[in-house]
Amino acid sequence: MLVFTRRRDEAIVIGDGVEVRVLRVGRDGVRLGVTAPSHVAVHRHEVYEQIREENRSAAAAPLPAKLLLPRAANDL
């Protein structure tokens, strides 16, 4: 893990065009601002994990019968 020390209004840059800036530092947390190109998804870690779990569940779920029937007809 790479660790940075930044003060308010200082930033780091990740790759081409992703900037993470310290907006405010308080007793209970740090407020960060993220600037990224529109094609780059930016999520809080807990939201990202929820999305991954939902994608895993959807991929593992069997296809509904109405989607399988047209496929079976094409296989004949």
PDB file of N, CA and C in Angstrom:
ATOM      1  N   MET A   1       0.857  -1.175   0.000  1.00  0.00           N
ATOM      2  CA  MET A   1       0.000   0.000   0.000  1.00  0.00           C
ATOM      3  C   MET A   1       0.899   1.233   0.000  1.00  0.00           C
ATOM      4  N   LEU A   2       0.584   2.156  -0.850  1.00  0.00           N
ATOM      5  CA  LEU A   2       1.284   3.430  -0.911  1.00  0.00           C
ATOM      6  C   LEU A   2       0.544   4.415  -0.010  1.00  0.00           C
ATOM      7  N   VAL A   3       1.260   5.070   0.891  1.00  0.00           N
ATOM      8  CA  VAL A   3       0.638   5.986   1.852  1.00  0.00           C
ATOM      9  C   VAL A   3       1.111   7.405   1.570  1.00  0.00           C
ATOM     10  N   PHE A   4       0.154   8.346   1.536  1.00  0.00           N
ATOM     11  CA  PHE A   4       0.446   9.755   1.286  1.00  0.00           C
ATOM     12  C   PHE A   4       0.084  10.582   2.505  1.00  0.00           C
ATOM     13  N   THR A   5       0.799  11.671   2.683  1.00  0.00           N
ATOM     14  CA  THR A   5       0.394  12.691   3.633  1.00  0.00           C
ATOM     15  C   THR A   5       0.019  13.917   2.808  1.00  0.00           C
ATOM     16  N   ARG A   6      -1.207  14.373   2.953  1.00  0.00           N
ATOM     17  CA  ARG A   6      -1.700  15.537   2.222  1.00  0.00           C
ATOM     18  C   ARG A   6      -2.392  16.447   3.216  1.00  0.00           C
ATOM     19  N   ARG A   7      -2.342  17.733   2.963  1.00  0.00           N
ATOM     20  CA  ARG A   7      -3.054  18.718   3.757  1.00  0.00           C
ATOM     21  C   ARG A   7      -4.272  19.201   2.966  1.00  0.00           C
ATOM     22  N   ARG A   8      -5.103  19.998   3.609  1.00  0.00           N
ATOM     23  CA  ARG A   8      -6.279  20.536   2.917  1.00  0.00           C
ATOM     24  C   ARG A   8      -5.874  21.236   1.627  1.00  0.00           C
ATOM     25  N   ASP A   9      -6.662  21.010   0.588  1.00  0.00           N
ATOM     26  CA  ASP A   9      -6.461  21.558  -0.759  1.00  0.00           C
ATOM     27  C   ASP A   9      -5.282  20.954  -1.517  1.00  0.00           C
ATOM     28  N   GLU A  10      -4.653  19.916  -0.961  1.00  0.00           N
ATOM     29  CA  GLU A  10      -3.622  19.199  -1.697  1.00  0.00           C
ATOM     30  C   GLU A  10      -4.246  17.950  -2.316  1.00  0.00           C
ATOM     31  N   ALA A  11      -3.606  17.427  -3.353  1.00  0.00           N
ATOM     32  CA  ALA A  11      -4.206  16.317  -4.101  1.00  0.00           C
ATOM     33  C   ALA A  11      -3.155  15.297  -4.485  1.00  0.00           C
ATOM     34  N   ILE A  12      -3.652  14.131  -4.904  1.00  0.00           N
ATOM     35  CA  ILE A  12      -2.835  13.124  -5.574  1.00  0.00           C
ATOM     36  C   ILE A  12      -3.500  12.837  -6.921  1.00  0.00           C
ATOM     37  N   VAL A  13      -2.724  12.352  -7.856  1.00  0.00           N
ATOM     38  CA  VAL A  13      -3.248  12.009  -9.184  1.00  0.00           C
ATOM     39  C   VAL A  13      -3.001  10.523  -9.410  1.00  0.00           C
ATOM     40  N   ILE A  14      -4.024   9.834  -9.883  1.00  0.00           N
ATOM     41  CA  ILE A  14      -3.950   8.402 -10.163  1.00  0.00           C
ATOM     42  C   ILE A  14      -4.160   8.202 -11.657  1.00  0.00           C
ATOM     43  N   GLY A  15      -3.189   7.596 -12.306  1.00  0.00           N
ATOM     44  CA  GLY A  15      -3.307   7.333 -13.739  1.00  0.00           C
ATOM     45  C   GLY A  15      -3.471   8.620 -14.530  1.00  0.00           C
ATOM     46  N   ASP A  16      -4.235   8.531 -15.608  1.00  0.00           N
ATOM     47  CA  ASP A  16      -4.479   9.690 -16.470  1.00  0.00           C
ATOM     48  C   ASP A  16      -5.815  10.324 -16.117  1.00  0.00           C
ATOM     49  N   GLY A  17      -5.789  11.369 -15.322  1.00  0.00           N
ATOM     50  CA  GLY A  17      -6.990  12.152 -15.119  1.00  0.00           C
ATOM     51  C   GLY A  17      -7.804  11.886 -13.875  1.00  0.00           C
ATOM     52  N   VAL A  18      -7.361  11.019 -12.972  1.00  0.00           N
ATOM     53  CA  VAL A  18      -8.097  10.827 -11.725  1.00  0.00           C
ATOM     54  C   VAL A  18      -7.360  11.596 -10.639  1.00  0.00           C
ATOM     55  N   GLU A  19      -8.046  12.550 -10.059  1.00  0.00           N
ATOM     56  CA  GLU A  19      -7.455  13.372  -9.003  1.00  0.00           C
ATOM     57  C   GLU A  19      -8.261  13.209  -7.721  1.00  0.00           C
ATOM     58  N   VAL A  20      -7.559  13.004  -6.614  1.00  0.00           N
ATOM     59  CA  VAL A  20      -8.188  12.906  -5.295  1.00  0.00           C
ATOM     60  C   VAL A  20      -7.644  14.067  -4.466  1.00  0.00           C
ATOM     61  N   ARG A  21      -8.549  14.941  -4.024  1.00  0.00           N
ATOM     62  CA  ARG A  21      -8.157  16.155  -3.317  1.00  0.00           C
ATOM     63  C   ARG A  21      -8.752  16.151  -1.910  1.00  0.00           C
ATOM     64  N   VAL A  22      -7.956  16.576  -0.933  1.00  0.00           N
ATOM     65  CA  VAL A  22      -8.428  16.715   0.441  1.00  0.00           C
ATOM     66  C   VAL A  22      -9.193  18.035   0.529  1.00  0.00           C
ATOM     67  N   LEU A  23     -10.480  17.935   0.852  1.00  0.00           N
ATOM     68  CA  LEU A  23     -11.310  19.136   0.942  1.00  0.00           C
ATOM     69  C   LEU A  23     -11.429  19.646   2.373  1.00  0.00           C
ATOM     70  N   ARG A  24     -11.535  18.703   3.321  1.00  0.00           N
ATOM     71  CA  ARG A  24     -11.701  19.109   4.712  1.00  0.00           C
ATOM     72  C   ARG A  24     -11.200  17.991   5.613  1.00  0.00           C
ATOM     73  N   VAL A  25     -10.581  18.377   6.709  1.00  0.00           N
ATOM     74  CA  VAL A  25     -10.121  17.421   7.705  1.00  0.00           C
ATOM     75  C   VAL A  25     -10.818  17.757   9.013  1.00  0.00           C
ATOM     76  N   GLY A  26     -11.482  16.760   9.599  1.00  0.00           N
ATOM     77  CA  GLY A  26     -12.180  16.965  10.864  1.00  0.00           C
ATOM     78  C   GLY A  26     -11.737  15.937  11.884  1.00  0.00           C
ATOM     79  N   ARG A  27     -12.332  15.989  13.054  1.00  0.00           N
ATOM     80  CA  ARG A  27     -11.981  15.033  14.108  1.00  0.00           C
ATOM     81  C   ARG A  27     -12.377  13.610  13.742  1.00  0.00           C
ATOM     82  N   ASP A  28     -13.511  13.455  13.068  1.00  0.00           N
ATOM     83  CA  ASP A  28     -14.045  12.128  12.791  1.00  0.00           C
ATOM     84  C   ASP A  28     -13.838  11.647  11.363  1.00  0.00           C
ATOM     85  N   GLY A  29     -13.246  12.455  10.516  1.00  0.00           N
ATOM     86  CA  GLY A  29     -13.084  11.996   9.146  1.00  0.00           C
ATOM     87  C   GLY A  29     -12.441  13.030   8.251  1.00  0.00           C
ATOM     88  N   VAL A  30     -12.239  12.613   7.030  1.00  0.00           N
ATOM     89  CA  VAL A  30     -11.636  13.451   6.001  1.00  0.00           C
ATOM     90  C   VAL A  30     -12.612  13.512   4.838  1.00  0.00           C
ATOM     91  N   ARG A  31     -12.853  14.687   4.310  1.00  0.00           N
ATOM     92  CA  ARG A  31     -13.702  14.818   3.131  1.00  0.00           C
ATOM     93  C   ARG A  31     -12.792  14.926   1.917  1.00  0.00           C
ATOM     94  N   LEU A  32     -13.015  14.007   0.961  1.00  0.00           N
ATOM     95  CA  LEU A  32     -12.213  13.957  -0.248  1.00  0.00           C
ATOM     96  C   LEU A  32     -13.066  14.326  -1.452  1.00  0.00           C
ATOM     97  N   GLY A  33     -12.461  14.953  -2.409  1.00  0.00           N
ATOM     98  CA  GLY A  33     -13.120  15.215  -3.687  1.00  0.00           C
ATOM     99  C   GLY A  33     -12.403  14.419  -4.762  1.00  0.00           C
ATOM    100  N   VAL A  34     -13.164  13.768  -5.632  1.00  0.00           N
ATOM    101  CA  VAL A  34     -12.575  12.953  -6.698  1.00  0.00           C
ATOM    102  C   VAL A  34     -13.015  13.526  -8.037  1.00  0.00           C
ATOM    103  N   THR A  35     -12.048  13.791  -8.884  1.00  0.00           N
ATOM    104  CA  THR A  35     -12.317  14.219 -10.253  1.00  0.00           C
ATOM    105  C   THR A  35     -11.818  13.105 -11.162  1.00  0.00           C
ATOM    106  N   ALA A  36     -12.715  12.587 -12.002  1.00  0.00           N
ATOM    107  CA  ALA A  36     -12.352  11.478 -12.880  1.00  0.00           C
ATOM    108  C   ALA A  36     -13.110  11.610 -14.189  1.00  0.00           C
ATOM    109  N   PRO A  37     -12.564  11.050 -15.276  1.00  0.00           N
ATOM    110  CA  PRO A  37     -13.290  11.043 -16.544  1.00  0.00           C
ATOM    111  C   PRO A  37     -14.622  10.313 -16.389  1.00  0.00           C
ATOM    112  N   SER A  38     -15.580  10.632 -17.223  1.00  0.00           N
ATOM    113  CA  SER A  38     -16.921  10.063 -17.094  1.00  0.00           C
ATOM    114  C   SER A  38     -16.942   8.540 -17.298  1.00  0.00           C
ATOM    115  N   HIS A  39     -15.981   7.979 -17.987  1.00  0.00           N
ATOM    116  CA  HIS A  39     -15.962   6.530 -18.204  1.00  0.00           C
ATOM    117  C   HIS A  39     -15.346   5.761 -17.027  1.00  0.00           C
ATOM    118  N   VAL A  40     -14.854   6.464 -16.016  1.00  0.00           N
ATOM    119  CA  VAL A  40     -14.262   5.825 -14.839  1.00  0.00           C
ATOM    120  C   VAL A  40     -15.283   5.832 -13.707  1.00  0.00           C
ATOM    121  N   ALA A  41     -15.659   4.653 -13.236  1.00  0.00           N
ATOM    122  CA  ALA A  41     -16.608   4.547 -12.125  1.00  0.00           C
ATOM    123  C   ALA A  41     -15.889   4.860 -10.816  1.00  0.00           C
ATOM    124  N   VAL A  42     -16.520   5.673  -9.984  1.00  0.00           N
ATOM    125  CA  VAL A  42     -15.966   6.029  -8.674  1.00  0.00           C
ATOM    126  C   VAL A  42     -17.041   5.733  -7.639  1.00  0.00           C
ATOM    127  N   HIS A  43     -16.718   4.842  -6.681  1.00  0.00           N
ATOM    128  CA  HIS A  43     -17.670   4.449  -5.639  1.00  0.00           C
ATOM    129  C   HIS A  43     -16.971   4.408  -4.291  1.00  0.00           C
ATOM    130  N   ARG A  44     -17.732   4.603  -3.226  1.00  0.00           N
ATOM    131  CA  ARG A  44     -17.226   4.292  -1.891  1.00  0.00           C
ATOM    132  C   ARG A  44     -17.014   2.785  -1.840  1.00  0.00           C
ATOM    133  N   HIS A  45     -16.087   2.329  -1.034  1.00  0.00           N
ATOM    134  CA  HIS A  45     -15.743   0.908  -0.990  1.00  0.00           C
ATOM    135  C   HIS A  45     -16.953   0.036  -0.689  1.00  0.00           C
ATOM    136  N   GLU A  46     -17.777   0.440   0.277  1.00  0.00           N
ATOM    137  CA  GLU A  46     -18.924  -0.404   0.640  1.00  0.00           C
ATOM    138  C   GLU A  46     -19.946  -0.483  -0.491  1.00  0.00           C
ATOM    139  N   VAL A  47     -20.089   0.559  -1.276  1.00  0.00           N
ATOM    140  CA  VAL A  47     -20.999   0.530  -2.435  1.00  0.00           C
ATOM    141  C   VAL A  47     -20.406  -0.365  -3.521  1.00  0.00           C
ATOM    142  N   TYR A  48     -19.121  -0.268  -3.742  1.00  0.00           N
ATOM    143  CA  TYR A  48     -18.444  -1.110  -4.730  1.00  0.00           C
ATOM    144  C   TYR A  48     -18.612  -2.590  -4.385  1.00  0.00           C
ATOM    145  N   GLU A  49     -18.434  -2.947  -3.113  1.00  0.00           N
ATOM    146  CA  GLU A  49     -18.599  -4.332  -2.691  1.00  0.00           C
ATOM    147  C   GLU A  49     -20.042  -4.807  -2.895  1.00  0.00           C
ATOM    148  N   GLN A  50     -21.011  -3.946  -2.635  1.00  0.00           N
ATOM    149  CA  GLN A  50     -22.421  -4.304  -2.837  1.00  0.00           C
ATOM    150  C   GLN A  50     -22.696  -4.558  -4.325  1.00  0.00           C
ATOM    151  N   ILE A  51     -22.166  -3.727  -5.185  1.00  0.00           N
ATOM    152  CA  ILE A  51     -22.327  -3.902  -6.632  1.00  0.00           C
ATOM    153  C   ILE A  51     -21.702  -5.231  -7.070  1.00  0.00           C
ATOM    154  N   ARG A  52     -20.510  -5.524  -6.581  1.00  0.00           N
ATOM    155  CA  ARG A  52     -19.842  -6.791  -6.930  1.00  0.00           C
ATOM    156  C   ARG A  52     -20.665  -7.990  -6.490  1.00  0.00           C
ATOM    157  N   GLU A  53     -21.205  -7.939  -5.281  1.00  0.00           N
ATOM    158  CA  GLU A  53     -21.999  -9.064  -4.775  1.00  0.00           C
ATOM    159  C   GLU A  53     -23.273  -9.249  -5.603  1.00  0.00           C
ATOM    160  N   GLU A  54     -23.933  -8.150  -5.954  1.00  0.00           N
ATOM    161  CA  GLU A  54     -25.139  -8.243  -6.787  1.00  0.00           C
ATOM    162  C   GLU A  54     -24.815  -8.794  -8.164  1.00  0.00           C
ATOM    163  N   ASN A  55     -23.675  -8.407  -8.716  1.00  0.00           N
ATOM    164  CA  ASN A  55     -23.260  -8.946 -10.017  1.00  0.00           C
ATOM    165  C   ASN A  55     -22.967 -10.442  -9.923  1.00  0.00           C
ATOM    166  N   ARG A  56     -22.302 -10.868  -8.836  1.00  0.00           N
ATOM    167  CA  ARG A  56     -22.039 -12.291  -8.634  1.00  0.00           C
ATOM    168  C   ARG A  56     -23.340 -13.072  -8.529  1.00  0.00           C
ATOM    169  N   SER A  57     -24.293 -12.549  -7.763  1.00  0.00           N
ATOM    170  CA  SER A  57     -25.587 -13.223  -7.591  1.00  0.00           C
ATOM    171  C   SER A  57     -26.327 -13.327  -8.915  1.00  0.00           C
ATOM    172  N   ALA A  58     -26.316 -12.255  -9.686  1.00  0.00           N
ATOM    173  CA  ALA A  58     -27.012 -12.261 -10.975  1.00  0.00           C
ATOM    174  C   ALA A  58     -26.366 -13.251 -11.939  1.00  0.00           C
ATOM    175  N   ALA A  59     -25.050 -13.345 -11.916  1.00  0.00           N
ATOM    176  CA  ALA A  59     -24.359 -14.271 -12.821  1.00  0.00           C
ATOM    177  C   ALA A  59     -24.609 -15.724 -12.431  1.00  0.00           C
ATOM    178  N   ALA A  60     -24.806 -15.983 -11.156  1.00  0.00           N
ATOM    179  CA  ALA A  60     -25.007 -17.348 -10.679  1.00  0.00           C
ATOM    180  C   ALA A  60     -26.459 -17.799 -10.784  1.00  0.00           C
ATOM    181  N   ALA A  61     -27.394 -16.858 -10.900  1.00  0.00           N
ATOM    182  CA  ALA A  61     -28.822 -17.201 -10.940  1.00  0.00           C
ATOM    183  C   ALA A  61     -29.159 -17.880 -12.267  1.00  0.00           C
ATOM    184  N   PRO A  62     -30.028 -18.895 -12.221  1.00  0.00           N
ATOM    185  CA  PRO A  62     -30.442 -19.534 -13.479  1.00  0.00           C
ATOM    186  C   PRO A  62     -31.256 -18.559 -14.331  1.00  0.00           C
ATOM    187  N   LEU A  63     -31.186 -18.743 -15.635  1.00  0.00           N
ATOM    188  CA  LEU A  63     -31.955 -17.903 -16.544  1.00  0.00           C
ATOM    189  C   LEU A  63     -33.442 -18.224 -16.412  1.00  0.00           C
ATOM    190  N   PRO A  64     -34.292 -17.212 -16.476  1.00  0.00           N
ATOM    191  CA  PRO A  64     -35.735 -17.482 -16.461  1.00  0.00           C
ATOM    192  C   PRO A  64     -36.139 -18.319 -17.675  1.00  0.00           C
ATOM    193  N   ALA A  65     -37.156 -19.162 -17.503  1.00  0.00           N
ATOM    194  CA  ALA A  65     -37.603 -20.075 -18.571  1.00  0.00           C
ATOM    195  C   ALA A  65     -37.964 -19.330 -19.846  1.00  0.00           C
ATOM    196  N   LYS A  66     -38.562 -18.145 -19.720  1.00  0.00           N
ATOM    197  CA  LYS A  66     -38.958 -17.421 -20.939  1.00  0.00           C
ATOM    198  C   LYS A  66     -37.752 -17.015 -21.776  1.00  0.00           C
ATOM    199  N   LEU A  67     -36.579 -16.917 -21.154  1.00  0.00           N
ATOM    200  CA  LEU A  67     -35.372 -16.626 -21.930  1.00  0.00           C
ATOM    201  C   LEU A  67     -34.752 -17.881 -22.520  1.00  0.00           C
ATOM    202  N   LEU A  68     -34.986 -19.027 -21.879  1.00  0.00           N
ATOM    203  CA  LEU A  68     -34.431 -20.288 -22.372  1.00  0.00           C
ATOM    204  C   LEU A  68     -35.201 -20.858 -23.550  1.00  0.00           C
ATOM    205  N   LEU A  69     -36.513 -20.675 -23.584  1.00  0.00           N
ATOM    206  CA  LEU A  69     -37.337 -21.276 -24.645  1.00  0.00           C
ATOM    207  C   LEU A  69     -36.946 -20.794 -26.033  1.00  0.00           C
ATOM    208  N   PRO A  70     -36.787 -19.509 -26.286  1.00  0.00           N
ATOM    209  CA  PRO A  70     -36.384 -19.108 -27.642  1.00  0.00           C
ATOM    210  C   PRO A  70     -35.019 -19.684 -28.021  1.00  0.00           C
ATOM    211  N   ARG A  71     -34.128 -19.791 -27.049  1.00  0.00           N
ATOM    212  CA  ARG A  71     -32.820 -20.364 -27.312  1.00  0.00           C
ATOM    213  C   ARG A  71     -32.948 -21.828 -27.712  1.00  0.00           C
ATOM    214  N   ALA A  72     -33.776 -22.575 -26.996  1.00  0.00           N
ATOM    215  CA  ALA A  72     -33.973 -24.000 -27.294  1.00  0.00           C
ATOM    216  C   ALA A  72     -34.569 -24.172 -28.699  1.00  0.00           C
ATOM    217  N   ALA A  73     -35.477 -23.329 -29.102  1.00  0.00           N
ATOM    218  CA  ALA A  73     -36.084 -23.411 -30.425  1.00  0.00           C
ATOM    219  C   ALA A  73     -35.043 -23.170 -31.515  1.00  0.00           C
ATOM    220  N   ASN A  74     -34.101 -22.279 -31.261  1.00  0.00           N
ATOM    221  CA  ASN A  74     -33.044 -21.986 -32.248  1.00  0.00           C
ATOM    222  C   ASN A  74     -32.056 -23.130 -32.373  1.00  0.00           C
ATOM    223  N   ASP A  75     -31.926 -23.942 -31.306  1.00  0.00           N
ATOM    224  CA  ASP A  75     -30.985 -25.059 -31.332  1.00  0.00           C
ATOM    225  C   ASP A  75     -31.488 -26.239 -32.150  1.00  0.00           C
ATOM    226  N   LEU A  76     -32.791 -26.292 -32.446  1.00  0.00           N
ATOM    227  CA  LEU A  76     -33.353 -27.430 -33.176  1.00  0.00           C
ATOM    228  C   LEU A  76     -33.051 -27.391 -34.622  1.00  0.00           C
TER     229      LEU A  76
END
